[in-house]
PDB file of N, CA and C in Angstrom:
ATOM      1  N   MET A   1      47.101  54.781 -16.488  1.00  0.00           N
ATOM      2  CA  MET A   1      47.398  55.202 -15.560  1.00  0.00           C
ATOM      3  C   MET A   1      46.165  55.736 -14.662  1.00  0.00           C
ATOM      4  N   SER A   2      44.877  56.000 -15.117  1.00  0.00           N
ATOM      5  CA  SER A   2      43.802  55.828 -14.480  1.00  0.00           C
ATOM      6  C   SER A   2      43.396  54.652 -13.564  1.00  0.00           C
ATOM      7  N   ASN A   3      43.570  53.618 -13.928  1.00  0.00           N
ATOM      8  CA  ASN A   3      43.276  52.335 -13.325  1.00  0.00           C
ATOM      9  C   ASN A   3      44.220  52.167 -12.007  1.00  0.00           C
ATOM     10  N   ILE A   4      45.215  53.044 -11.880  1.00  0.00           N
ATOM     11  CA  ILE A   4      46.109  53.122 -10.587  1.00  0.00           C
ATOM     12  C   ILE A   4      45.446  53.939  -9.783  1.00  0.00           C
ATOM     13  N   ALA A   5      45.056  55.013 -10.196  1.00  0.00           N
ATOM     14  CA  ALA A   5      44.210  56.227  -9.489  1.00  0.00           C
ATOM     15  C   ALA A   5      43.024  55.467  -8.855  1.00  0.00           C
ATOM     16  N   ASN A   6      42.239  54.672  -9.556  1.00  0.00           N
ATOM     17  CA  ASN A   6      40.973  53.906  -9.191  1.00  0.00           C
ATOM     18  C   ASN A   6      41.291  52.987  -8.171  1.00  0.00           C
ATOM     19  N   LEU A   7      42.678  52.313  -8.055  1.00  0.00           N
ATOM     20  CA  LEU A   7      42.798  51.329  -7.296  1.00  0.00           C
ATOM     21  C   LEU A   7      43.311  51.988  -5.992  1.00  0.00           C
ATOM     22  N   ALA A   8      43.881  53.111  -5.912  1.00  0.00           N
ATOM     23  CA  ALA A   8      44.239  54.016  -4.778  1.00  0.00           C
ATOM     24  C   ALA A   8      42.992  54.240  -3.861  1.00  0.00           C
ATOM     25  N   GLN A   9      41.966  54.484  -4.758  1.00  0.00           N
ATOM     26  CA  GLN A   9      40.730  55.028  -4.062  1.00  0.00           C
ATOM     27  C   GLN A   9      39.761  53.854  -3.196  1.00  0.00           C
ATOM     28  N   LEU A  10      40.183  52.750  -4.081  1.00  0.00           N
ATOM     29  CA  LEU A  10      39.321  51.649  -3.389  1.00  0.00           C
ATOM     30  C   LEU A  10      39.542  51.603  -1.666  1.00  0.00           C
ATOM     31  N   THR A  11      38.531  51.418  -0.936  1.00  0.00           N
ATOM     32  CA  THR A  11      38.637  51.133   0.594  1.00  0.00           C
ATOM     33  C   THR A  11      37.695  49.887   0.710  1.00  0.00           C
ATOM     34  N   GLY A  12      38.521  48.759   1.076  1.00  0.00           N
ATOM     35  CA  GLY A  12      37.427  47.528   1.385  1.00  0.00           C
ATOM     36  C   GLY A  12      38.147  46.842   2.742  1.00  0.00           C
ATOM     37  N   GLU A  13      37.202  46.643   3.690  1.00  0.00           N
ATOM     38  CA  GLU A  13      37.369  45.948   4.798  1.00  0.00           C
ATOM     39  C   GLU A  13      36.810  44.577   4.726  1.00  0.00           C
ATOM     40  N   ILE A  14      37.492  43.757   5.325  1.00  0.00           N
ATOM     41  CA  ILE A  14      37.785  42.595   5.327  1.00  0.00           C
ATOM     42  C   ILE A  14      37.031  41.988   7.229  1.00  0.00           C
ATOM     43  N   SER A  15      35.929  41.636   7.066  1.00  0.00           N
ATOM     44  CA  SER A  15      35.078  41.384   8.435  1.00  0.00           C
ATOM     45  C   SER A  15      35.869  40.025   9.206  1.00  0.00           C
ATOM     46  N   GLY A  16      35.799  39.844  10.241  1.00  0.00           N
ATOM     47  CA  GLY A  16      36.438  38.932  10.791  1.00  0.00           C
ATOM     48  C   GLY A  16      35.503  37.442  10.472  1.00  0.00           C
ATOM     49  N   SER A  17      34.300  37.661  10.320  1.00  0.00           N
ATOM     50  CA  SER A  17      33.493  36.466   9.966  1.00  0.00           C
ATOM     51  C   SER A  17      34.150  35.610   8.838  1.00  0.00           C
ATOM     52  N   THR A  18      34.910  36.322   7.829  1.00  0.00           N
ATOM     53  CA  THR A  18      35.391  35.717   6.454  1.00  0.00           C
ATOM     54  C   THR A  18      36.593  34.893   6.724  1.00  0.00           C
ATOM     55  N   PHE A  19      37.274  34.985   7.812  1.00  0.00           N
ATOM     56  CA  PHE A  19      38.309  34.124   8.048  1.00  0.00           C
ATOM     57  C   PHE A  19      38.023  32.891   8.660  1.00  0.00           C
ATOM     58  N   GLY A  20      36.982  32.515   9.329  1.00  0.00           N
ATOM     59  CA  GLY A  20      36.510  31.379   9.669  1.00  0.00           C
ATOM     60  C   GLY A  20      36.672  30.092   8.610  1.00  0.00           C
ATOM     61  N   PRO A  21      36.002  30.108   7.438  1.00  0.00           N
ATOM     62  CA  PRO A  21      36.125  29.167   6.518  1.00  0.00           C
ATOM     63  C   PRO A  21      37.458  28.787   5.857  1.00  0.00           C
ATOM     64  N   ILE A  22      38.295  29.876   5.769  1.00  0.00           N
ATOM     65  CA  ILE A  22      39.848  29.822   5.487  1.00  0.00           C
ATOM     66  C   ILE A  22      40.538  29.258   6.715  1.00  0.00           C
ATOM     67  N   GLY A  23      40.281  29.653   7.900  1.00  0.00           N
ATOM     68  CA  GLY A  23      41.040  28.949   8.982  1.00  0.00           C
ATOM     69  C   GLY A  23      40.910  27.257   9.144  1.00  0.00           C
ATOM     70  N   TYR A  24      39.447  27.019   8.831  1.00  0.00           N
ATOM     71  CA  TYR A  24      39.017  25.569   8.929  1.00  0.00           C
ATOM     72  C   TYR A  24      39.923  24.810   7.650  1.00  0.00           C
ATOM     73  N   GLY A  25      39.806  25.425   6.273  1.00  0.00           N
ATOM     74  CA  GLY A  25      40.538  24.917   5.384  1.00  0.00           C
ATOM     75  C   GLY A  25      42.023  24.828   5.873  1.00  0.00           C
ATOM     76  N   LEU A  26      42.612  25.549   6.317  1.00  0.00           N
ATOM     77  CA  LEU A  26      44.031  25.573   6.788  1.00  0.00           C
ATOM     78  C   LEU A  26      44.051  24.245   7.752  1.00  0.00           C
ATOM     79  N   ALA A  27      43.180  24.424   8.789  1.00  0.00           N
ATOM     80  CA  ALA A  27      43.341  23.467   9.928  1.00  0.00           C
ATOM     81  C   ALA A  27      43.167  22.074   9.362  1.00  0.00           C
ATOM     82  N   ALA A  28      42.609  21.922   8.244  1.00  0.00           N
ATOM     83  CA  ALA A  28      42.031  20.541   7.782  1.00  0.00           C
ATOM     84  C   ALA A  28      43.164  20.066   6.923  1.00  0.00           C
ATOM     85  N   ILE A  29      44.089  20.817   6.494  1.00  0.00           N
ATOM     86  CA  ILE A  29      45.375  20.223   5.789  1.00  0.00           C
ATOM     87  C   ILE A  29      46.012  19.076   6.436  1.00  0.00           C
ATOM     88  N   GLY A  30      46.274  19.452   7.705  1.00  0.00           N
ATOM     89  CA  GLY A  30      47.193  18.667   8.482  1.00  0.00           C
ATOM     90  C   GLY A  30      46.594  17.248   8.902  1.00  0.00           C
ATOM     91  N   PRO A  31      45.325  17.266   9.315  1.00  0.00           N
ATOM     92  CA  PRO A  31      44.585  15.950   9.609  1.00  0.00           C
ATOM     93  C   PRO A  31      44.327  15.261   8.508  1.00  0.00           C
ATOM     94  N   GLY A  32      44.233  15.803   7.263  1.00  0.00           N
ATOM     95  CA  GLY A  32      44.231  15.280   6.167  1.00  0.00           C
ATOM     96  C   GLY A  32      45.416  14.189   5.506  1.00  0.00           C
ATOM     97  N   ILE A  33      46.384  15.263   5.824  1.00  0.00           N
ATOM     98  CA  ILE A  33      47.830  14.322   5.330  1.00  0.00           C
ATOM     99  C   ILE A  33      48.029  13.124   6.258  1.00  0.00           C
ATOM    100  N   GLY A  34      47.866  13.657   7.505  1.00  0.00           N
ATOM    101  CA  GLY A  34      48.055  12.463   8.649  1.00  0.00           C
ATOM    102  C   GLY A  34      47.136  11.171   8.301  1.00  0.00           C
ATOM    103  N   VAL A  35      45.803  11.552   7.914  1.00  0.00           N
ATOM    104  CA  VAL A  35      45.050  10.324   7.847  1.00  0.00           C
ATOM    105  C   VAL A  35      45.719   9.347   6.504  1.00  0.00           C
ATOM    106  N   GLY A  36      46.150  10.130   5.663  1.00  0.00           N
ATOM    107  CA  GLY A  36      46.568   9.543   4.331  1.00  0.00           C
ATOM    108  C   GLY A  36      47.935   8.703   4.765  1.00  0.00           C
ATOM    109  N   ILE A  37      48.708   9.611   5.551  1.00  0.00           N
ATOM    110  CA  ILE A  37      49.999   8.629   6.004  1.00  0.00           C
ATOM    111  C   ILE A  37      49.730   7.414   6.859  1.00  0.00           C
ATOM    112  N   VAL A  38      48.883   7.439   7.794  1.00  0.00           N
ATOM    113  CA  VAL A  38      48.263   6.584   8.856  1.00  0.00           C
ATOM    114  C   VAL A  38      47.523   5.086   7.871  1.00  0.00           C
ATOM    115  N   ALA A  39      46.872   5.466   6.954  1.00  0.00           N
ATOM    116  CA  ALA A  39      46.129   4.676   5.976  1.00  0.00           C
ATOM    117  C   ALA A  39      47.200   3.921   4.999  1.00  0.00           C
ATOM    118  N   GLY A  40      48.228   4.588   4.647  1.00  0.00           N
ATOM    119  CA  GLY A  40      49.200   3.981   3.635  1.00  0.00           C
ATOM    120  C   GLY A  40      49.997   3.232   4.471  1.00  0.00           C
ATOM    121  N   LYS A  41      50.741   3.562   5.745  1.00  0.00           N
ATOM    122  CA  LYS A  41      51.385   2.801   6.433  1.00  0.00           C
ATOM    123  C   LYS A  41      51.052   1.419   6.985  1.00  0.00           C
ATOM    124  N   ALA A  42      49.556   1.572   7.383  1.00  0.00           N
ATOM    125  CA  ALA A  42      48.818   0.358   7.715  1.00  0.00           C
ATOM    126  C   ALA A  42      48.655  -0.424   6.355  1.00  0.00           C
ATOM    127  N   ILE A  43      48.371   0.013   5.282  1.00  0.00           N
ATOM    128  CA  ILE A  43      48.624  -1.059   4.030  1.00  0.00           C
ATOM    129  C   ILE A  43      49.683  -1.497   3.890  1.00  0.00           C
ATOM    130  N   GLU A  44      50.793  -0.780   4.257  1.00  0.00           N
ATOM    131  CA  GLU A  44      52.169  -1.630   4.103  1.00  0.00           C
ATOM    132  C   GLU A  44      52.424  -2.640   5.152  1.00  0.00           C
ATOM    133  N   GLY A  45      51.996  -2.319   6.177  1.00  0.00           N
ATOM    134  CA  GLY A  45      52.248  -3.314   7.436  1.00  0.00           C
ATOM    135  C   GLY A  45      51.479  -4.485   7.285  1.00  0.00           C
ATOM    136  N   ILE A  46      50.016  -4.390   6.678  1.00  0.00           N
ATOM    137  CA  ILE A  46      49.291  -5.449   6.595  1.00  0.00           C
ATOM    138  C   ILE A  46      50.002  -6.359   5.401  1.00  0.00           C
ATOM    139  N   ALA A  47      50.596  -5.642   4.461  1.00  0.00           N
ATOM    140  CA  ALA A  47      51.121  -6.414   3.179  1.00  0.00           C
ATOM    141  C   ALA A  47      52.270  -7.170   3.526  1.00  0.00           C
ATOM    142  N   ARG A  48      53.284  -6.750   4.534  1.00  0.00           N
ATOM    143  CA  ARG A  48      54.249  -7.269   5.008  1.00  0.00           C
ATOM    144  C   ARG A  48      53.975  -8.541   6.050  1.00  0.00           C
ATOM    145  N   GLN A  49      53.037  -8.017   7.071  1.00  0.00           N
ATOM    146  CA  GLN A  49      52.548  -9.442   7.782  1.00  0.00           C
ATOM    147  C   GLN A  49      51.299  -9.403   8.091  1.00  0.00           C
ATOM    148  N   PRO A  50      50.589 -10.224   7.125  1.00  0.00           N
ATOM    149  CA  PRO A  50      49.092 -10.291   6.919  1.00  0.00           C
ATOM    150  C   PRO A  50      48.548 -11.053   8.284  1.00  0.00           C
ATOM    151  N   GLU A  51      49.362 -11.707   8.895  1.00  0.00           N
ATOM    152  CA  GLU A  51      48.672 -12.292  10.144  1.00  0.00           C
ATOM    153  C   GLU A  51      48.348 -11.201  11.294  1.00  0.00           C
ATOM    154  N   LEU A  52      48.980 -10.089  11.234  1.00  0.00           N
ATOM    155  CA  LEU A  52      48.719  -9.090  12.235  1.00  0.00           C
ATOM    156  C   LEU A  52      47.847  -8.088  11.820  1.00  0.00           C
ATOM    157  N   ALA A  53      46.989  -8.406  10.597  1.00  0.00           N
ATOM    158  CA  ALA A  53      46.101  -7.500  10.009  1.00  0.00           C
ATOM    159  C   ALA A  53      44.949  -6.754  10.883  1.00  0.00           C
ATOM    160  N   GLY A  54      44.519  -7.649  11.870  1.00  0.00           N
ATOM    161  CA  GLY A  54      43.344  -7.194  12.866  1.00  0.00           C
ATOM    162  C   GLY A  54      44.264  -6.238  13.869  1.00  0.00           C
ATOM    163  N   GLN A  55      45.352  -6.403  14.533  1.00  0.00           N
ATOM    164  CA  GLN A  55      45.804  -5.565  15.171  1.00  0.00           C
ATOM    165  C   GLN A  55      46.385  -4.224  14.367  1.00  0.00           C
ATOM    166  N   ILE A  56      46.646  -4.401  13.232  1.00  0.00           N
ATOM    167  CA  ILE A  56      47.196  -3.469  12.531  1.00  0.00           C
ATOM    168  C   ILE A  56      45.986  -2.365  12.064  1.00  0.00           C
ATOM    169  N   ARG A  57      44.642  -3.048  11.538  1.00  0.00           N
ATOM    170  CA  ARG A  57      43.530  -2.379  11.544  1.00  0.00           C
ATOM    171  C   ARG A  57      42.964  -1.364  12.557  1.00  0.00           C
ATOM    172  N   THR A  58      43.058  -2.152  13.654  1.00  0.00           N
ATOM    173  CA  THR A  58      42.691  -1.416  15.035  1.00  0.00           C
ATOM    174  C   THR A  58      43.306  -0.118  15.413  1.00  0.00           C
ATOM    175  N   THR A  59      44.799  -0.162  15.351  1.00  0.00           N
ATOM    176  CA  THR A  59      45.652   0.822  15.433  1.00  0.00           C
ATOM    177  C   THR A  59      45.548   2.010  14.184  1.00  0.00           C
ATOM    178  N   MET A  60      45.138   1.620  13.195  1.00  0.00           N
ATOM    179  CA  MET A  60      44.827   2.287  12.027  1.00  0.00           C
ATOM    180  C   MET A  60      43.939   3.030  12.458  1.00  0.00           C
ATOM    181  N   PHE A  61      42.751   2.565  12.999  1.00  0.00           N
ATOM    182  CA  PHE A  61      41.515   3.458  13.167  1.00  0.00           C
ATOM    183  C   PHE A  61      41.354   4.122  14.309  1.00  0.00           C
ATOM    184  N   LEU A  62      42.625   3.919  15.343  1.00  0.00           N
ATOM    185  CA  LEU A  62      42.681   4.723  16.115  1.00  0.00           C
ATOM    186  C   LEU A  62      43.543   5.774  16.152  1.00  0.00           C
ATOM    187  N   GLY A  63      44.536   5.722  15.201  1.00  0.00           N
ATOM    188  CA  GLY A  63      45.211   6.845  14.676  1.00  0.00           C
ATOM    189  C   GLY A  63      44.511   7.829  13.630  1.00  0.00           C
ATOM    190  N   ILE A  64      43.428   7.206  12.896  1.00  0.00           N
ATOM    191  CA  ILE A  64      42.585   8.180  12.167  1.00  0.00           C
ATOM    192  C   ILE A  64      41.465   8.930  12.971  1.00  0.00           C
ATOM    193  N   ALA A  65      41.249   8.486  14.009  1.00  0.00           N
ATOM    194  CA  ALA A  65      40.139   8.827  15.088  1.00  0.00           C
ATOM    195  C   ALA A  65      41.017   9.997  15.689  1.00  0.00           C
ATOM    196  N   LEU A  66      42.021   9.820  16.058  1.00  0.00           N
ATOM    197  CA  LEU A  66      42.946  11.125  16.830  1.00  0.00           C
ATOM    198  C   LEU A  66      43.460  12.284  15.745  1.00  0.00           C
ATOM    199  N   SER A  67      43.477  12.011  14.653  1.00  0.00           N
ATOM    200  CA  SER A  67      43.944  12.904  13.539  1.00  0.00           C
ATOM    201  C   SER A  67      42.492  13.613  13.056  1.00  0.00           C
ATOM    202  N   GLU A  68      41.461  12.964  12.966  1.00  0.00           N
ATOM    203  CA  GLU A  68      40.138  13.571  12.690  1.00  0.00           C
ATOM    204  C   GLU A  68      39.685  14.741  13.887  1.00  0.00           C
ATOM    205  N   ALA A  69      40.125  14.276  15.027  1.00  0.00           N
ATOM    206  CA  ALA A  69      39.722  15.013  16.300  1.00  0.00           C
ATOM    207  C   ALA A  69      40.377  16.495  15.997  1.00  0.00           C
ATOM    208  N   LEU A  70      41.473  16.455  15.781  1.00  0.00           N
ATOM    209  CA  LEU A  70      42.254  17.826  15.037  1.00  0.00           C
ATOM    210  C   LEU A  70      41.320  18.851  14.252  1.00  0.00           C
ATOM    211  N   ALA A  71      40.891  18.060  13.102  1.00  0.00           N
ATOM    212  CA  ALA A  71      40.154  18.688  12.171  1.00  0.00           C
ATOM    213  C   ALA A  71      38.595  19.358  12.918  1.00  0.00           C
ATOM    214  N   LEU A  72      38.121  18.406  13.895  1.00  0.00           N
ATOM    215  CA  LEU A  72      36.925  18.984  14.576  1.00  0.00           C
ATOM    216  C   LEU A  72      37.271  20.137  15.340  1.00  0.00           C
ATOM    217  N   ILE A  73      38.538  19.971  16.093  1.00  0.00           N
ATOM    218  CA  ILE A  73      38.955  21.200  16.881  1.00  0.00           C
ATOM    219  C   ILE A  73      39.305  22.243  16.219  1.00  0.00           C
ATOM    220  N   GLY A  74      39.545  22.177  14.922  1.00  0.00           N
ATOM    221  CA  GLY A  74      39.844  23.336  14.005  1.00  0.00           C
ATOM    222  C   GLY A  74      38.471  23.924  13.577  1.00  0.00           C
ATOM    223  N   ILE A  75      37.452  23.260  13.504  1.00  0.00           N
ATOM    224  CA  ILE A  75      36.168  23.912  12.903  1.00  0.00           C
ATOM    225  C   ILE A  75      35.590  24.581  14.050  1.00  0.00           C
ATOM    226  N   VAL A  76      35.679  23.808  15.397  1.00  0.00           N
ATOM    227  CA  VAL A  76      35.129  24.772  16.509  1.00  0.00           C
ATOM    228  C   VAL A  76      35.983  26.015  16.953  1.00  0.00           C
ATOM    229  N   ALA A  77      36.988  25.796  16.597  1.00  0.00           N
ATOM    230  CA  ALA A  77      37.865  27.128  17.148  1.00  0.00           C
ATOM    231  C   ALA A  77      37.472  28.178  16.028  1.00  0.00           C
ATOM    232  N   GLY A  78      37.273  27.605  14.772  1.00  0.00           N
ATOM    233  CA  GLY A  78      36.601  28.744  13.833  1.00  0.00           C
ATOM    234  C   GLY A  78      35.381  29.319  14.164  1.00  0.00           C
ATOM    235  N   TYR A  79      34.391  28.599  14.773  1.00  0.00           N
ATOM    236  CA  TYR A  79      33.092  29.321  15.082  1.00  0.00           C
ATOM    237  C   TYR A  79      33.314  30.054  16.491  1.00  0.00           C
ATOM    238  N   ILE A  80      34.453  29.701  17.415  1.00  0.00           N
ATOM    239  CA  ILE A  80      34.662  30.207  18.640  1.00  0.00           C
ATOM    240  C   ILE A  80      35.231  31.457  18.466  1.00  0.00           C
ATOM    241  N   TYR A  81      36.145  31.858  17.551  1.00  0.00           N
ATOM    242  CA  TYR A  81      37.155  33.048  17.402  1.00  0.00           C
ATOM    243  C   TYR A  81      36.777  33.593  16.334  1.00  0.00           C
ATOM    244  N   GLY A  82      35.682  33.250  15.488  1.00  0.00           N
ATOM    245  CA  GLY A  82      35.442  33.808  14.133  1.00  0.00           C
ATOM    246  C   GLY A  82      34.326  34.715  14.173  1.00  0.00           C
TER     247      GLY A  82
END
């Protein structure tokens, strides 16, 4: 019973700066999944049509760059709003 009383007396504050890393971690989940999907589909496409490997690879790198831009926006937003 004394543990409940001690727990009720605890007063803690979470400052806004502690949410930055948490927010970036959550923001990095989407681009991480996106990069995995893009790379996997590119490998499937190259396996099906090896003669188009150069075009598929170029498109894959473009998709990865756009996905990683979201992760960079997430880290910048963490610093701006954190």
